[in-house]
Amino acid sequence: MRLRNPHDSLDRIAAEQDRIIALRLRKNKRVLQLARHNLARWMKKDGRCIRPVFTEWDRVLNRLSPAEIADFLTSETPMAQRLRQSSPFAGVLSEAERLSIRRKHEKARA
């Protein structure tokens, strides 16, 4: 019997959320402004000791075009999968949207 990794479900939820965020980013560049604002706030809070994950996100958000960022969000590269765990796109999806995605995945697991 193979035990399920509890992180698999969380990874699938985050990937689905990022697919929706990528669609919105392609239509509305303000989505990128929100992510940059969140990241700047988080980095400022860290002070001199900025977490490496924030530095990685800073490179993604400031070196790639919005279309390239949307592609990155939907990719399954190890880097994209890892960075999903600390996405600066918080606030793009409503609480109701996030709960709907989570419930959908919980039903699929049951």
PDB file of N, CA and C in Angstrom:
ATOM      1  N   MET A   1       0.834  -1.182   0.000  1.00  0.00           N
ATOM      2  CA  MET A   1       0.000   0.000   0.000  1.00  0.00           C
ATOM      3  C   MET A   1       0.882   1.250   0.000  1.00  0.00           C
ATOM      4  N   ARG A   2       0.593   2.165  -0.899  1.00  0.00           N
ATOM      5  CA  ARG A   2       1.372   3.391  -1.015  1.00  0.00           C
ATOM      6  C   ARG A   2       0.655   4.519  -0.279  1.00  0.00           C
ATOM      7  N   LEU A   3       1.360   5.171   0.640  1.00  0.00           N
ATOM      8  CA  LEU A   3       0.786   6.283   1.370  1.00  0.00           C
ATOM      9  C   LEU A   3       0.852   7.546   0.520  1.00  0.00           C
ATOM     10  N   ARG A   4      -0.178   8.352   0.603  1.00  0.00           N
ATOM     11  CA  ARG A   4      -0.204   9.611  -0.129  1.00  0.00           C
ATOM     12  C   ARG A   4       0.631  10.656   0.588  1.00  0.00           C
ATOM     13  N   ASN A   5       1.328  11.423  -0.187  1.00  0.00           N
ATOM     14  CA  ASN A   5       2.077  12.538   0.361  1.00  0.00           C
ATOM     15  C   ASN A   5       1.086  13.672   0.605  1.00  0.00           C
ATOM     16  N   PRO A   6       0.960  14.162   1.843  1.00  0.00           N
ATOM     17  CA  PRO A   6      -0.019  15.222   2.117  1.00  0.00           C
ATOM     18  C   PRO A   6       0.271  16.512   1.347  1.00  0.00           C
ATOM     19  N   HIS A   7       1.497  16.696   0.916  1.00  0.00           N
ATOM     20  CA  HIS A   7       1.847  17.903   0.167  1.00  0.00           C
ATOM     21  C   HIS A   7       1.364  17.840  -1.275  1.00  0.00           C
ATOM     22  N   ASP A   8       1.105  16.640  -1.792  1.00  0.00           N
ATOM     23  CA  ASP A   8       0.629  16.515  -3.172  1.00  0.00           C
ATOM     24  C   ASP A   8      -0.663  17.295  -3.383  1.00  0.00           C
ATOM     25  N   SER A   9      -1.581  17.170  -2.460  1.00  0.00           N
ATOM     26  CA  SER A   9      -2.860  17.864  -2.568  1.00  0.00           C
ATOM     27  C   SER A   9      -2.657  19.379  -2.517  1.00  0.00           C
ATOM     28  N   LEU A  10      -1.812  19.836  -1.605  1.00  0.00           N
ATOM     29  CA  LEU A  10      -1.532  21.267  -1.498  1.00  0.00           C
ATOM     30  C   LEU A  10      -0.865  21.785  -2.765  1.00  0.00           C
ATOM     31  N   ASP A  11       0.023  20.979  -3.342  1.00  0.00           N
ATOM     32  CA  ASP A  11       0.689  21.373  -4.590  1.00  0.00           C
ATOM     33  C   ASP A  11      -0.311  21.482  -5.735  1.00  0.00           C
ATOM     34  N   ARG A  12      -1.265  20.563  -5.803  1.00  0.00           N
ATOM     35  CA  ARG A  12      -2.284  20.618  -6.864  1.00  0.00           C
ATOM     36  C   ARG A  12      -3.192  21.837  -6.692  1.00  0.00           C
ATOM     37  N   ILE A  13      -3.529  22.142  -5.445  1.00  0.00           N
ATOM     38  CA  ILE A  13      -4.353  23.322  -5.171  1.00  0.00           C
ATOM     39  C   ILE A  13      -3.606  24.583  -5.592  1.00  0.00           C
ATOM     40  N   ALA A  14      -2.350  24.696  -5.203  1.00  0.00           N
ATOM     41  CA  ALA A  14      -1.549  25.874  -5.556  1.00  0.00           C
ATOM     42  C   ALA A  14      -1.391  25.989  -7.069  1.00  0.00           C
ATOM     43  N   ALA A  15      -1.213  24.866  -7.752  1.00  0.00           N
ATOM     44  CA  ALA A  15      -1.064  24.890  -9.212  1.00  0.00           C
ATOM     45  C   ALA A  15      -2.351  25.375  -9.875  1.00  0.00           C
ATOM     46  N   GLU A  16      -3.494  24.933  -9.378  1.00  0.00           N
ATOM     47  CA  GLU A  16      -4.761  25.391  -9.957  1.00  0.00           C
ATOM     48  C   GLU A  16      -4.967  26.879  -9.690  1.00  0.00           C
ATOM     49  N   GLN A  17      -4.638  27.312  -8.495  1.00  0.00           N
ATOM     50  CA  GLN A  17      -4.743  28.737  -8.193  1.00  0.00           C
ATOM     51  C   GLN A  17      -3.847  29.541  -9.141  1.00  0.00           C
ATOM     52  N   ASP A  18      -2.638  29.076  -9.372  1.00  0.00           N
ATOM     53  CA  ASP A  18      -1.719  29.786 -10.265  1.00  0.00           C
ATOM     54  C   ASP A  18      -2.209  29.803 -11.708  1.00  0.00           C
ATOM     55  N   ARG A  19      -2.908  28.763 -12.137  1.00  0.00           N
ATOM     56  CA  ARG A  19      -3.473  28.774 -13.496  1.00  0.00           C
ATOM     57  C   ARG A  19      -4.505  29.895 -13.639  1.00  0.00           C
ATOM     58  N   ILE A  20      -5.328  30.066 -12.618  1.00  0.00           N
ATOM     59  CA  ILE A  20      -6.334  31.126 -12.647  1.00  0.00           C
ATOM     60  C   ILE A  20      -5.661  32.499 -12.577  1.00  0.00           C
ATOM     61  N   ILE A  21      -4.673  32.622 -11.717  1.00  0.00           N
ATOM     62  CA  ILE A  21      -3.931  33.880 -11.595  1.00  0.00           C
ATOM     63  C   ILE A  21      -3.249  34.219 -12.921  1.00  0.00           C
ATOM     64  N   ALA A  22      -2.675  33.225 -13.589  1.00  0.00           N
ATOM     65  CA  ALA A  22      -2.013  33.453 -14.877  1.00  0.00           C
ATOM     66  C   ALA A  22      -3.004  33.982 -15.914  1.00  0.00           C
ATOM     67  N   LEU A  23      -4.210  33.423 -15.934  1.00  0.00           N
ATOM     68  CA  LEU A  23      -5.235  33.926 -16.855  1.00  0.00           C
ATOM     69  C   LEU A  23      -5.562  35.390 -16.571  1.00  0.00           C
ATOM     70  N   ARG A  24      -5.685  35.720 -15.316  1.00  0.00           N
ATOM     71  CA  ARG A  24      -5.994  37.102 -14.947  1.00  0.00           C
ATOM     72  C   ARG A  24      -4.832  38.034 -15.285  1.00  0.00           C
ATOM     73  N   LEU A  25      -3.618  37.560 -15.066  1.00  0.00           N
ATOM     74  CA  LEU A  25      -2.433  38.358 -15.382  1.00  0.00           C
ATOM     75  C   LEU A  25      -2.371  38.679 -16.874  1.00  0.00           C
ATOM     76  N   ARG A  26      -2.751  37.721 -17.705  1.00  0.00           N
ATOM     77  CA  ARG A  26      -2.733  37.944 -19.156  1.00  0.00           C
ATOM     78  C   ARG A  26      -3.743  39.022 -19.573  1.00  0.00           C
ATOM     79  N   LYS A  27      -4.793  39.199 -18.778  1.00  0.00           N
ATOM     80  CA  LYS A  27      -5.841  40.175 -19.110  1.00  0.00           C
ATOM     81  C   LYS A  27      -5.672  41.515 -18.403  1.00  0.00           C
ATOM     82  N   ASN A  28      -5.008  41.491 -17.243  1.00  0.00           N
ATOM     83  CA  ASN A  28      -4.954  42.682 -16.406  1.00  0.00           C
ATOM     84  C   ASN A  28      -3.577  42.792 -15.751  1.00  0.00           C
ATOM     85  N   LYS A  29      -2.797  43.742 -16.205  1.00  0.00           N
ATOM     86  CA  LYS A  29      -1.426  43.913 -15.703  1.00  0.00           C
ATOM     87  C   LYS A  29      -1.379  44.386 -14.248  1.00  0.00           C
ATOM     88  N   ARG A  30      -2.540  44.842 -13.724  1.00  0.00           N
ATOM     89  CA  ARG A  30      -2.566  45.244 -12.311  1.00  0.00           C
ATOM     90  C   ARG A  30      -2.333  44.064 -11.372  1.00  0.00           C
ATOM     91  N   VAL A  31      -2.575  42.872 -11.870  1.00  0.00           N
ATOM     92  CA  VAL A  31      -2.289  41.670 -11.084  1.00  0.00           C
ATOM     93  C   VAL A  31      -0.795  41.629 -10.750  1.00  0.00           C
ATOM     94  N   LEU A  32       0.029  41.996 -11.719  1.00  0.00           N
ATOM     95  CA  LEU A  32       1.477  42.027 -11.498  1.00  0.00           C
ATOM     96  C   LEU A  32       1.846  43.127 -10.502  1.00  0.00           C
ATOM     97  N   GLN A  33       1.181  44.260 -10.579  1.00  0.00           N
ATOM     98  CA  GLN A  33       1.444  45.334  -9.624  1.00  0.00           C
ATOM     99  C   GLN A  33       1.151  44.893  -8.192  1.00  0.00           C
ATOM    100  N   LEU A  34       0.068  44.142  -8.021  1.00  0.00           N
ATOM    101  CA  LEU A  34      -0.280  43.631  -6.692  1.00  0.00           C
ATOM    102  C   LEU A  34       0.815  42.710  -6.175  1.00  0.00           C
ATOM    103  N   ALA A  35       1.287  41.794  -7.022  1.00  0.00           N
ATOM    104  CA  ALA A  35       2.334  40.858  -6.610  1.00  0.00           C
ATOM    105  C   ALA A  35       3.626  41.599  -6.259  1.00  0.00           C
ATOM    106  N   ARG A  36       3.996  42.570  -7.064  1.00  0.00           N
ATOM    107  CA  ARG A  36       5.208  43.352  -6.773  1.00  0.00           C
ATOM    108  C   ARG A  36       5.064  44.111  -5.464  1.00  0.00           C
ATOM    109  N   HIS A  37       3.885  44.666  -5.234  1.00  0.00           N
ATOM    110  CA  HIS A  37       3.634  45.392  -3.982  1.00  0.00           C
ATOM    111  C   HIS A  37       3.732  44.443  -2.781  1.00  0.00           C
ATOM    112  N   ASN A  38       3.090  43.290  -2.873  1.00  0.00           N
ATOM    113  CA  ASN A  38       3.166  42.303  -1.784  1.00  0.00           C
ATOM    114  C   ASN A  38       4.616  41.925  -1.502  1.00  0.00           C
ATOM    115  N   LEU A  39       5.346  41.621  -2.568  1.00  0.00           N
ATOM    116  CA  LEU A  39       6.735  41.183  -2.401  1.00  0.00           C
ATOM    117  C   LEU A  39       7.583  42.290  -1.781  1.00  0.00           C
ATOM    118  N   ALA A  40       7.429  43.514  -2.239  1.00  0.00           N
ATOM    119  CA  ALA A  40       8.200  44.633  -1.675  1.00  0.00           C
ATOM    120  C   ALA A  40       7.902  44.788  -0.183  1.00  0.00           C
ATOM    121  N   ARG A  41       6.639  44.643   0.190  1.00  0.00           N
ATOM    122  CA  ARG A  41       6.239  44.749   1.595  1.00  0.00           C
ATOM    123  C   ARG A  41       6.875  43.635   2.427  1.00  0.00           C
ATOM    124  N   TRP A  42       6.852  42.409   1.882  1.00  0.00           N
ATOM    125  CA  TRP A  42       7.423  41.280   2.606  1.00  0.00           C
ATOM    126  C   TRP A  42       8.936  41.426   2.745  1.00  0.00           C
ATOM    127  N   MET A  43       9.587  41.900   1.682  1.00  0.00           N
ATOM    128  CA  MET A  43      11.044  42.067   1.729  1.00  0.00           C
ATOM    129  C   MET A  43      11.419  43.167   2.722  1.00  0.00           C
ATOM    130  N   LYS A  44      10.638  44.224   2.759  1.00  0.00           N
ATOM    131  CA  LYS A  44      10.900  45.310   3.707  1.00  0.00           C
ATOM    132  C   LYS A  44      10.762  44.798   5.137  1.00  0.00           C
ATOM    133  N   LYS A  45       9.772  43.973   5.355  1.00  0.00           N
ATOM    134  CA  LYS A  45       9.549  43.404   6.696  1.00  0.00           C
ATOM    135  C   LYS A  45      10.733  42.522   7.113  1.00  0.00           C
ATOM    136  N   ASP A  46      11.341  41.834   6.139  1.00  0.00           N
ATOM    137  CA  ASP A  46      12.506  40.992   6.436  1.00  0.00           C
ATOM    138  C   ASP A  46      13.735  41.821   6.805  1.00  0.00           C
ATOM    139  N   GLY A  47      13.766  43.075   6.403  1.00  0.00           N
ATOM    140  CA  GLY A  47      14.917  43.928   6.716  1.00  0.00           C
ATOM    141  C   GLY A  47      16.144  43.512   5.930  1.00  0.00           C
ATOM    142  N   ARG A  48      17.257  43.444   6.602  1.00  0.00           N
ATOM    143  CA  ARG A  48      18.529  43.107   5.935  1.00  0.00           C
ATOM    144  C   ARG A  48      18.642  41.643   5.550  1.00  0.00           C
ATOM    145  N   CYS A  49      17.904  40.813   6.249  1.00  0.00           N
ATOM    146  CA  CYS A  49      18.014  39.361   6.036  1.00  0.00           C
ATOM    147  C   CYS A  49      16.824  38.875   5.194  1.00  0.00           C
ATOM    148  N   ILE A  50      16.829  39.209   3.909  1.00  0.00           N
ATOM    149  CA  ILE A  50      15.731  38.847   3.019  1.00  0.00           C
ATOM    150  C   ILE A  50      15.810  37.365   2.683  1.00  0.00           C
ATOM    151  N   ARG A  51      14.688  36.706   2.794  1.00  0.00           N
ATOM    152  CA  ARG A  51      14.638  35.274   2.489  1.00  0.00           C
ATOM    153  C   ARG A  51      14.995  35.030   1.026  1.00  0.00           C
ATOM    154  N   PRO A  52      15.762  33.982   0.768  1.00  0.00           N
ATOM    155  CA  PRO A  52      16.158  33.677  -0.614  1.00  0.00           C
ATOM    156  C   PRO A  52      14.972  33.504  -1.556  1.00  0.00           C
ATOM    157  N   VAL A  53      13.864  32.967  -1.077  1.00  0.00           N
ATOM    158  CA  VAL A  53      12.695  32.774  -1.922  1.00  0.00           C
ATOM    159  C   VAL A  53      12.149  34.116  -2.405  1.00  0.00           C
ATOM    160  N   PHE A  54      12.246  35.143  -1.570  1.00  0.00           N
ATOM    161  CA  PHE A  54      11.795  36.469  -1.982  1.00  0.00           C
ATOM    162  C   PHE A  54      12.721  37.053  -3.051  1.00  0.00           C
ATOM    163  N   THR A  55      14.002  36.787  -2.926  1.00  0.00           N
ATOM    164  CA  THR A  55      14.956  37.241  -3.940  1.00  0.00           C
ATOM    165  C   THR A  55      14.662  36.561  -5.276  1.00  0.00           C
ATOM    166  N   GLU A  56      14.326  35.276  -5.229  1.00  0.00           N
ATOM    167  CA  GLU A  56      13.977  34.560  -6.458  1.00  0.00           C
ATOM    168  C   GLU A  56      12.717  35.146  -7.097  1.00  0.00           C
ATOM    169  N   TRP A  57      11.705  35.393  -6.270  1.00  0.00           N
ATOM    170  CA  TRP A  57      10.471  35.987  -6.789  1.00  0.00           C
ATOM    171  C   TRP A  57      10.736  37.378  -7.364  1.00  0.00           C
ATOM    172  N   ASP A  58      11.614  38.134  -6.715  1.00  0.00           N
ATOM    173  CA  ASP A  58      11.945  39.468  -7.211  1.00  0.00           C
ATOM    174  C   ASP A  58      12.529  39.386  -8.622  1.00  0.00           C
ATOM    175  N   ARG A  59      13.392  38.414  -8.847  1.00  0.00           N
ATOM    176  CA  ARG A  59      13.962  38.222 -10.188  1.00  0.00           C
ATOM    177  C   ARG A  59      12.866  37.872 -11.198  1.00  0.00           C
ATOM    178  N   VAL A  60      11.971  36.982 -10.817  1.00  0.00           N
ATOM    179  CA  VAL A  60      10.888  36.572 -11.721  1.00  0.00           C
ATOM    180  C   VAL A  60      10.004  37.771 -12.068  1.00  0.00           C
ATOM    181  N   LEU A  61       9.581  38.506 -11.054  1.00  0.00           N
ATOM    182  CA  LEU A  61       8.623  39.594 -11.260  1.00  0.00           C
ATOM    183  C   LEU A  61       9.216  40.805 -11.968  1.00  0.00           C
ATOM    184  N   ASN A  62      10.524  40.985 -11.864  1.00  0.00           N
ATOM    185  CA  ASN A  62      11.128  42.185 -12.430  1.00  0.00           C
ATOM    186  C   ASN A  62      11.978  41.946 -13.672  1.00  0.00           C
ATOM    187  N   ARG A  63      12.195  40.703 -14.030  1.00  0.00           N
ATOM    188  CA  ARG A  63      12.979  40.424 -15.233  1.00  0.00           C
ATOM    189  C   ARG A  63      12.156  39.831 -16.368  1.00  0.00           C
ATOM    190  N   LEU A  64      11.006  39.263 -16.025  1.00  0.00           N
ATOM    191  CA  LEU A  64      10.172  38.629 -17.046  1.00  0.00           C
ATOM    192  C   LEU A  64       9.013  39.542 -17.425  1.00  0.00           C
ATOM    193  N   SER A  65       8.533  39.376 -18.628  1.00  0.00           N
ATOM    194  CA  SER A  65       7.346  40.111 -19.065  1.00  0.00           C
ATOM    195  C   SER A  65       6.111  39.489 -18.392  1.00  0.00           C
ATOM    196  N   PRO A  66       4.994  40.207 -18.378  1.00  0.00           N
ATOM    197  CA  PRO A  66       3.778  39.608 -17.800  1.00  0.00           C
ATOM    198  C   PRO A  66       3.417  38.272 -18.455  1.00  0.00           C
ATOM    199  N   ALA A  67       3.566  38.156 -19.776  1.00  0.00           N
ATOM    200  CA  ALA A  67       3.256  36.886 -20.456  1.00  0.00           C
ATOM    201  C   ALA A  67       4.211  35.782 -20.000  1.00  0.00           C
ATOM    202  N   GLU A  68       5.481  36.122 -19.836  1.00  0.00           N
ATOM    203  CA  GLU A  68       6.452  35.121 -19.370  1.00  0.00           C
ATOM    204  C   GLU A  68       6.173  34.713 -17.931  1.00  0.00           C
ATOM    205  N   ILE A  69       5.744  35.661 -17.115  1.00  0.00           N
ATOM    206  CA  ILE A  69       5.383  35.338 -15.725  1.00  0.00           C
ATOM    207  C   ILE A  69       4.171  34.412 -15.707  1.00  0.00           C
ATOM    208  N   ALA A  70       3.187  34.698 -16.549  1.00  0.00           N
ATOM    209  CA  ALA A  70       2.013  33.826 -16.637  1.00  0.00           C
ATOM    210  C   ALA A  70       2.427  32.421 -17.057  1.00  0.00           C
ATOM    211  N   ASP A  71       3.332  32.320 -18.024  1.00  0.00           N
ATOM    212  CA  ASP A  71       3.847  31.003 -18.437  1.00  0.00           C
ATOM    213  C   ASP A  71       4.561  30.312 -17.278  1.00  0.00           C
ATOM    214  N   PHE A  72       5.347  31.073 -16.531  1.00  0.00           N
ATOM    215  CA  PHE A  72       6.060  30.518 -15.383  1.00  0.00           C
ATOM    216  C   PHE A  72       5.074  29.985 -14.347  1.00  0.00           C
ATOM    217  N   LEU A  73       4.024  30.753 -14.073  1.00  0.00           N
ATOM    218  CA  LEU A  73       3.038  30.340 -13.070  1.00  0.00           C
ATOM    219  C   LEU A  73       2.374  29.017 -13.433  1.00  0.00           C
ATOM    220  N   THR A  74       2.219  28.750 -14.712  1.00  0.00           N
ATOM    221  CA  THR A  74       1.542  27.519 -15.135  1.00  0.00           C
ATOM    222  C   THR A  74       2.512  26.391 -15.448  1.00  0.00           C
ATOM    223  N   SER A  75       3.785  26.655 -15.324  1.00  0.00           N
ATOM    224  CA  SER A  75       4.766  25.616 -15.646  1.00  0.00           C
ATOM    225  C   SER A  75       4.901  24.621 -14.494  1.00  0.00           C
ATOM    226  N   GLU A  76       5.445  23.486 -14.826  1.00  0.00           N
ATOM    227  CA  GLU A  76       5.666  22.440 -13.820  1.00  0.00           C
ATOM    228  C   GLU A  76       7.150  22.253 -13.536  1.00  0.00           C
ATOM    229  N   THR A  77       7.940  23.294 -13.777  1.00  0.00           N
ATOM    230  CA  THR A  77       9.368  23.200 -13.479  1.00  0.00           C
ATOM    231  C   THR A  77       9.558  23.096 -11.972  1.00  0.00           C
ATOM    232  N   PRO A  78      10.656  22.508 -11.545  1.00  0.00           N
ATOM    233  CA  PRO A  78      10.905  22.433 -10.098  1.00  0.00           C
ATOM    234  C   PRO A  78      10.897  23.806  -9.426  1.00  0.00           C
ATOM    235  N   MET A  79      11.454  24.804 -10.109  1.00  0.00           N
ATOM    236  CA  MET A  79      11.481  26.150  -9.521  1.00  0.00           C
ATOM    237  C   MET A  79      10.068  26.702  -9.351  1.00  0.00           C
ATOM    238  N   ALA A  80       9.233  26.573 -10.373  1.00  0.00           N
ATOM    239  CA  ALA A  80       7.853  27.068 -10.282  1.00  0.00           C
ATOM    240  C   ALA A  80       7.099  26.331  -9.181  1.00  0.00           C
ATOM    241  N   GLN A  81       7.275  25.032  -9.104  1.00  0.00           N
ATOM    242  CA  GLN A  81       6.590  24.254  -8.064  1.00  0.00           C
ATOM    243  C   GLN A  81       7.034  24.694  -6.678  1.00  0.00           C
ATOM    244  N   ARG A  82       8.305  24.945  -6.522  1.00  0.00           N
ATOM    245  CA  ARG A  82       8.839  25.358  -5.221  1.00  0.00           C
ATOM    246  C   ARG A  82       8.358  26.764  -4.844  1.00  0.00           C
ATOM    247  N   LEU A  83       8.394  27.684  -5.805  1.00  0.00           N
ATOM    248  CA  LEU A  83       8.015  29.060  -5.504  1.00  0.00           C
ATOM    249  C   LEU A  83       6.513  29.224  -5.270  1.00  0.00           C
ATOM    250  N   ARG A  84       5.716  28.282  -5.761  1.00  0.00           N
ATOM    251  CA  ARG A  84       4.266  28.348  -5.510  1.00  0.00           C
ATOM    252  C   ARG A  84       3.952  28.394  -4.021  1.00  0.00           C
ATOM    253  N   GLN A  85       4.822  27.823  -3.227  1.00  0.00           N
ATOM    254  CA  GLN A  85       4.577  27.744  -1.787  1.00  0.00           C
ATOM    255  C   GLN A  85       4.675  29.106  -1.104  1.00  0.00           C
ATOM    256  N   SER A  86       5.221  30.096  -1.801  1.00  0.00           N
ATOM    257  CA  SER A  86       5.357  31.434  -1.209  1.00  0.00           C
ATOM    258  C   SER A  86       5.015  32.501  -2.241  1.00  0.00           C
ATOM    259  N   SER A  87       3.910  32.332  -2.897  1.00  0.00           N
ATOM    260  CA  SER A  87       3.508  33.195  -4.003  1.00  0.00           C
ATOM    261  C   SER A  87       3.164  34.608  -3.540  1.00  0.00           C
ATOM    262  N   PRO A  88       3.718  35.614  -4.220  1.00  0.00           N
ATOM    263  CA  PRO A  88       3.361  36.994  -3.888  1.00  0.00           C
ATOM    264  C   PRO A  88       2.029  37.432  -4.505  1.00  0.00           C
ATOM    265  N   PHE A  89       1.337  36.513  -5.157  1.00  0.00           N
ATOM    266  CA  PHE A  89       0.061  36.842  -5.784  1.00  0.00           C
ATOM    267  C   PHE A  89      -1.101  36.728  -4.801  1.00  0.00           C
ATOM    268  N   ALA A  90      -0.793  36.787  -3.517  1.00  0.00           N
ATOM    269  CA  ALA A  90      -1.831  36.769  -2.483  1.00  0.00           C
ATOM    270  C   ALA A  90      -2.767  37.945  -2.691  1.00  0.00           C
ATOM    271  N   GLY A  91      -4.053  37.677  -2.644  1.00  0.00           N
ATOM    272  CA  GLY A  91      -5.041  38.727  -2.802  1.00  0.00           C
ATOM    273  C   GLY A  91      -5.649  38.795  -4.191  1.00  0.00           C
ATOM    274  N   VAL A  92      -5.080  38.042  -5.143  1.00  0.00           N
ATOM    275  CA  VAL A  92      -5.648  38.030  -6.496  1.00  0.00           C
ATOM    276  C   VAL A  92      -6.953  37.244  -6.503  1.00  0.00           C
ATOM    277  N   LEU A  93      -6.956  36.114  -5.824  1.00  0.00           N
ATOM    278  CA  LEU A  93      -8.169  35.293  -5.733  1.00  0.00           C
ATOM    279  C   LEU A  93      -8.929  35.651  -4.462  1.00  0.00           C
ATOM    280  N   SER A  94     -10.219  35.636  -4.562  1.00  0.00           N
ATOM    281  CA  SER A  94     -11.041  35.898  -3.380  1.00  0.00           C
ATOM    282  C   SER A  94     -11.020  34.681  -2.456  1.00  0.00           C
ATOM    283  N   GLU A  95     -11.430  34.902  -1.242  1.00  0.00           N
ATOM    284  CA  GLU A  95     -11.538  33.803  -0.274  1.00  0.00           C
ATOM    285  C   GLU A  95     -12.480  32.721  -0.809  1.00  0.00           C
ATOM    286  N   ALA A  96     -13.585  33.137  -1.400  1.00  0.00           N
ATOM    287  CA  ALA A  96     -14.553  32.182  -1.953  1.00  0.00           C
ATOM    288  C   ALA A  96     -13.926  31.349  -3.071  1.00  0.00           C
ATOM    289  N   GLU A  97     -13.125  31.979  -3.914  1.00  0.00           N
ATOM    290  CA  GLU A  97     -12.470  31.238  -4.999  1.00  0.00           C
ATOM    291  C   GLU A  97     -11.472  30.223  -4.442  1.00  0.00           C
ATOM    292  N   ARG A  98     -10.704  30.649  -3.457  1.00  0.00           N
ATOM    293  CA  ARG A  98      -9.730  29.724  -2.859  1.00  0.00           C
ATOM    294  C   ARG A  98     -10.421  28.547  -2.173  1.00  0.00           C
ATOM    295  N   LEU A  99     -11.506  28.829  -1.461  1.00  0.00           N
ATOM    296  CA  LEU A  99     -12.254  27.755  -0.794  1.00  0.00           C
ATOM    297  C   LEU A  99     -12.869  26.799  -1.811  1.00  0.00           C
ATOM    298  N   SER A 100     -13.364  27.327  -2.901  1.00  0.00           N
ATOM    299  CA  SER A 100     -13.958  26.491  -3.946  1.00  0.00           C
ATOM    300  C   SER A 100     -12.919  25.530  -4.530  1.00  0.00           C
ATOM    301  N   ILE A 101     -11.727  26.035  -4.785  1.00  0.00           N
ATOM    302  CA  ILE A 101     -10.650  25.188  -5.318  1.00  0.00           C
ATOM    303  C   ILE A 101     -10.273  24.126  -4.298  1.00  0.00           C
ATOM    304  N   ARG A 102     -10.144  24.518  -3.045  1.00  0.00           N
ATOM    305  CA  ARG A 102      -9.775  23.566  -1.987  1.00  0.00           C
ATOM    306  C   ARG A 102     -10.831  22.474  -1.841  1.00  0.00           C
ATOM    307  N   ARG A 103     -12.115  22.857  -1.839  1.00  0.00           N
ATOM    308  CA  ARG A 103     -13.192  21.870  -1.711  1.00  0.00           C
ATOM    309  C   ARG A 103     -13.202  20.900  -2.885  1.00  0.00           C
ATOM    310  N   LYS A 104     -12.988  21.413  -4.072  1.00  0.00           N
ATOM    311  CA  LYS A 104     -12.931  20.572  -5.268  1.00  0.00           C
ATOM    312  C   LYS A 104     -11.857  19.496  -5.117  1.00  0.00           C
ATOM    313  N   HIS A 105     -10.706  19.889  -4.606  1.00  0.00           N
ATOM    314  CA  HIS A 105      -9.613  18.923  -4.448  1.00  0.00           C
ATOM    315  C   HIS A 105      -9.866  17.965  -3.293  1.00  0.00           C
ATOM    316  N   GLU A 106     -10.527  18.438  -2.255  1.00  0.00           N
ATOM    317  CA  GLU A 106     -10.881  17.546  -1.150  1.00  0.00           C
ATOM    318  C   GLU A 106     -11.866  16.483  -1.606  1.00  0.00           C
ATOM    319  N   LYS A 107     -12.832  16.871  -2.440  1.00  0.00           N
ATOM    320  CA  LYS A 107     -13.798  15.886  -2.979  1.00  0.00           C
ATOM    321  C   LYS A 107     -13.090  14.871  -3.861  1.00  0.00           C
ATOM    322  N   ALA A 108     -12.126  15.331  -4.625  1.00  0.00           N
ATOM    323  CA  ALA A 108     -11.396  14.429  -5.528  1.00  0.00           C
ATOM    324  C   ALA A 108     -10.581  13.413  -4.731  1.00  0.00           C
ATOM    325  N   ARG A 109     -10.116  13.790  -3.560  1.00  0.00           N
ATOM    326  CA  ARG A 109      -9.322  12.881  -2.708  1.00  0.00           C
ATOM    327  C   ARG A 109     -10.196  11.860  -2.009  1.00  0.00           C
ATOM    328  N   ALA A 110     -11.434  12.220  -1.740  1.00  0.00           N
ATOM    329  CA  ALA A 110     -12.325  11.344  -0.966  1.00  0.00           C
ATOM    330  C   ALA A 110     -12.788  10.134  -1.764  1.00  0.00           C
TER     331      ALA A 110
END
